[in-house]
Structures are given as C-alpha cells and as structure tokens.
Protein backbone atom coordinates (compact mmCIF):
# COMPACT_ATOMS: atom_id res chain seq x y z
CA MET A 1 0.31 -0.16 0.07
CA ILE A 2 1.03 3.58 -0.52
CA HIS A 3 0.89 6.28 1.49
CA VAL A 4 0.31 9.32 0.63
CA ARG A 5 1.89 12.68 2.59
CA LEU A 6 -0.51 15.30 2.68
CA ILE A 7 0.41 19.16 2.45
CA LYS A 8 -1.30 21.91 3.38
CA MET A 9 -0.88 24.13 0.56
CA ALA A 10 -0.89 27.98 2.24
CA GLU A 11 -3.68 29.95 1.48
CA ILE A 12 -3.83 31.49 -1.55
CA THR A 13 -6.41 35.09 -0.97
CA ASP A 14 -7.72 36.71 -4.13
CA GLU A 15 -6.50 40.01 -2.15
CA PHE A 16 -3.07 38.13 -3.08
CA MET A 17 -3.58 37.21 -6.49
CA ARG A 18 -4.80 40.40 -7.36
CA GLN A 19 -1.57 42.02 -6.37
CA ILE A 20 0.74 39.68 -7.94
CA LEU A 21 -1.21 40.04 -11.10
CA GLY A 22 -1.05 43.15 -10.95
CA ALA A 23 2.59 42.90 -10.52
CA SER A 24 2.99 41.38 -13.76
CA LYS A 25 5.34 42.25 -16.75
CA ASP A 26 5.26 42.57 -20.65
CA TYR A 27 7.63 39.86 -21.94
CA CYS A 28 7.97 37.95 -25.68
CA ILE A 29 8.55 34.72 -26.05
CA VAL A 30 10.35 33.41 -28.99
CA LEU A 31 10.20 29.77 -30.40
CA LEU A 32 13.13 28.94 -33.10
CA LYS A 33 12.34 26.54 -35.50
CA THR A 34 14.53 25.24 -38.07
CA LYS A 35 14.50 25.67 -42.00
CA ARG A 36 16.47 24.27 -44.84
CA GLY A 37 19.42 26.48 -44.91
CA ILE A 38 20.40 24.53 -41.37
CA LYS A 39 21.90 21.91 -43.57
CA LYS A 40 24.12 24.73 -45.71
CA ALA A 41 27.65 24.10 -45.76
CA GLY A 42 28.88 26.61 -43.18
CA ALA A 43 26.21 26.66 -40.97
CA GLU A 44 27.97 25.21 -37.94
CA LYS A 45 29.93 28.47 -37.84
CA ILE A 46 26.90 30.98 -38.33
CA ILE A 47 24.87 28.98 -35.65
CA TRP A 48 28.06 29.42 -33.19
CA GLU A 49 27.44 32.95 -34.24
CA HIS A 50 24.05 33.23 -33.33
CA GLY A 51 25.25 31.49 -29.93
CA ARG A 52 27.52 34.14 -28.73
CA ARG A 53 25.11 36.83 -29.55
CA ASN A 54 22.80 35.09 -27.43
CA PHE A 55 25.19 35.37 -24.81
CA PHE A 56 25.74 39.04 -25.31
CA LEU A 57 21.90 39.24 -24.55
CA ARG A 58 21.54 37.48 -21.70
CA ALA A 59 24.30 39.61 -20.25
CA GLU A 60 22.76 42.81 -21.07
CA GLY A 61 19.50 41.06 -19.60
CA LYS A 62 17.47 41.72 -22.68
CA LEU A 63 17.39 37.57 -22.97
CA PRO A 64 17.48 36.55 -19.16
CA ILE A 65 16.01 32.78 -20.30
CA VAL A 66 17.37 30.18 -23.28
CA PHE A 67 16.48 27.16 -24.25
CA ARG A 68 17.90 24.77 -26.51
CA VAL A 69 15.35 22.32 -27.48
CA THR A 70 17.05 18.73 -27.87
CA ASP A 71 14.68 16.51 -29.30
CA ASP A 72 14.37 15.46 -33.12
CA SER A 73 11.81 18.08 -34.14
CA ASN A 74 11.81 21.13 -36.29
CA LEU A 75 12.00 23.72 -32.74
CA ALA A 76 15.51 24.89 -31.90
CA GLY A 77 14.83 26.78 -28.56
CA ILE A 78 12.86 29.04 -27.17
CA GLY A 79 13.70 32.55 -25.64
CA ILE A 80 12.13 35.09 -23.03
CA PHE A 81 12.78 38.46 -23.95
CA ASN A 82 12.87 41.05 -21.67
CA ALA A 83 11.97 43.53 -24.42
CA THR A 84 8.59 45.03 -25.94
CA GLU A 85 7.64 42.77 -29.32
CA ASP A 86 8.82 45.65 -31.67
CA GLU A 87 12.51 45.32 -29.57
CA VAL A 88 12.18 41.65 -30.00
CA LYS A 89 11.68 42.09 -33.86
CA ALA A 90 14.62 44.34 -34.30
CA ILE A 91 17.21 41.74 -32.49
CA LEU A 92 15.78 39.21 -34.29
CA GLU A 93 16.22 40.05 -37.82
CA GLU A 94 20.11 41.29 -37.03
CA ASP A 95 20.46 37.33 -35.57
CA PRO A 96 23.18 36.10 -38.21
CA ALA A 97 20.91 32.33 -38.47
CA VAL A 98 17.84 34.30 -38.64
CA LYS A 99 19.62 36.24 -41.55
CA ALA A 100 21.23 32.86 -42.78
CA GLY A 101 17.52 31.31 -43.32
CA ILE A 102 18.67 28.86 -40.95
CA PHE A 103 16.17 29.78 -38.29
CA ALA A 104 12.93 31.07 -38.27
CA CYS A 105 11.35 32.45 -35.35
CA GLU A 106 7.69 33.39 -33.78
CA ILE A 107 7.02 35.63 -31.34
CA HIS A 108 4.81 36.11 -29.14
CA PRO A 109 3.51 38.76 -26.37
CA CYS A 110 3.31 37.43 -22.82
CA LYS A 111 2.92 38.57 -19.21
CA SER A 112 4.51 36.86 -16.24
CA PHE A 113 6.13 38.03 -12.42
CA PRO A 114 9.20 40.11 -12.55
CA GLY A 115 11.92 37.98 -10.33
CA ASP A 116 10.55 34.60 -11.70
CA CYS A 117 13.52 32.15 -12.60
CA LEU A 118 14.23 28.54 -13.34
CA PRO A 119 15.42 26.92 -9.84
CA ALA A 120 19.27 26.34 -9.67
C-alpha cells in the first residue's frame, strides 16, 4: 500500500492574487525553428555566432532565459525576452542565423512576474 503525505497548501487569497497579477510585466517568448538552411555548408559557424549573440543579449538582460531544444523536432530553441515585441523583432532581424535562413522565429507577447526564474 502506498502512503501519500498530504501537505497543506498555503492559503492563496483573492487579494494576494490581485496584488501579484497587478505586478505582472510584459515579456516576449520566441520559438526558434530550423529551416532548410540548417543543411548549408558553413551553417555550424553561423549557429555558433548566433549563440555568441545570445550570450551577449543574456549579459545585457534582454534574453534572461534561453532553452536549446534537444529533441528531433524542428524546434531549435525557446527564448524569453525582457523586451517589447518591436524590440524583439529588431533583435531577431539582425540575428546571423535568422538572416542566413537557418532559423525562423515566432514571437509571442506574454506576461509574467518580475523575479521569476528557473530553480538552480
């Protein structure tokens, strides 16, 4: 027999929810998808420079969360940008892998809570 230990959940009041929801901020999620250009000669070098640029954007605080997708789908990565939709469009228009036709991107405006992060 399996024993399940029940943990009492802290009370989440309507007032608390309104306060936290009121503190939400605009962000953008970007889905990066591979295109046919991924098979081009020299694509690896361009992807490396794409990665270098992501490190720079991360250091600037514009791209605080980056995921490289490792399954066999055409989804190459997911990024959460601390920028407006227009800013993200401008950033991605200058991305070397997007410009080279290696990656395509979808931008999705969203809301979240400042300070949220992945656990260590």
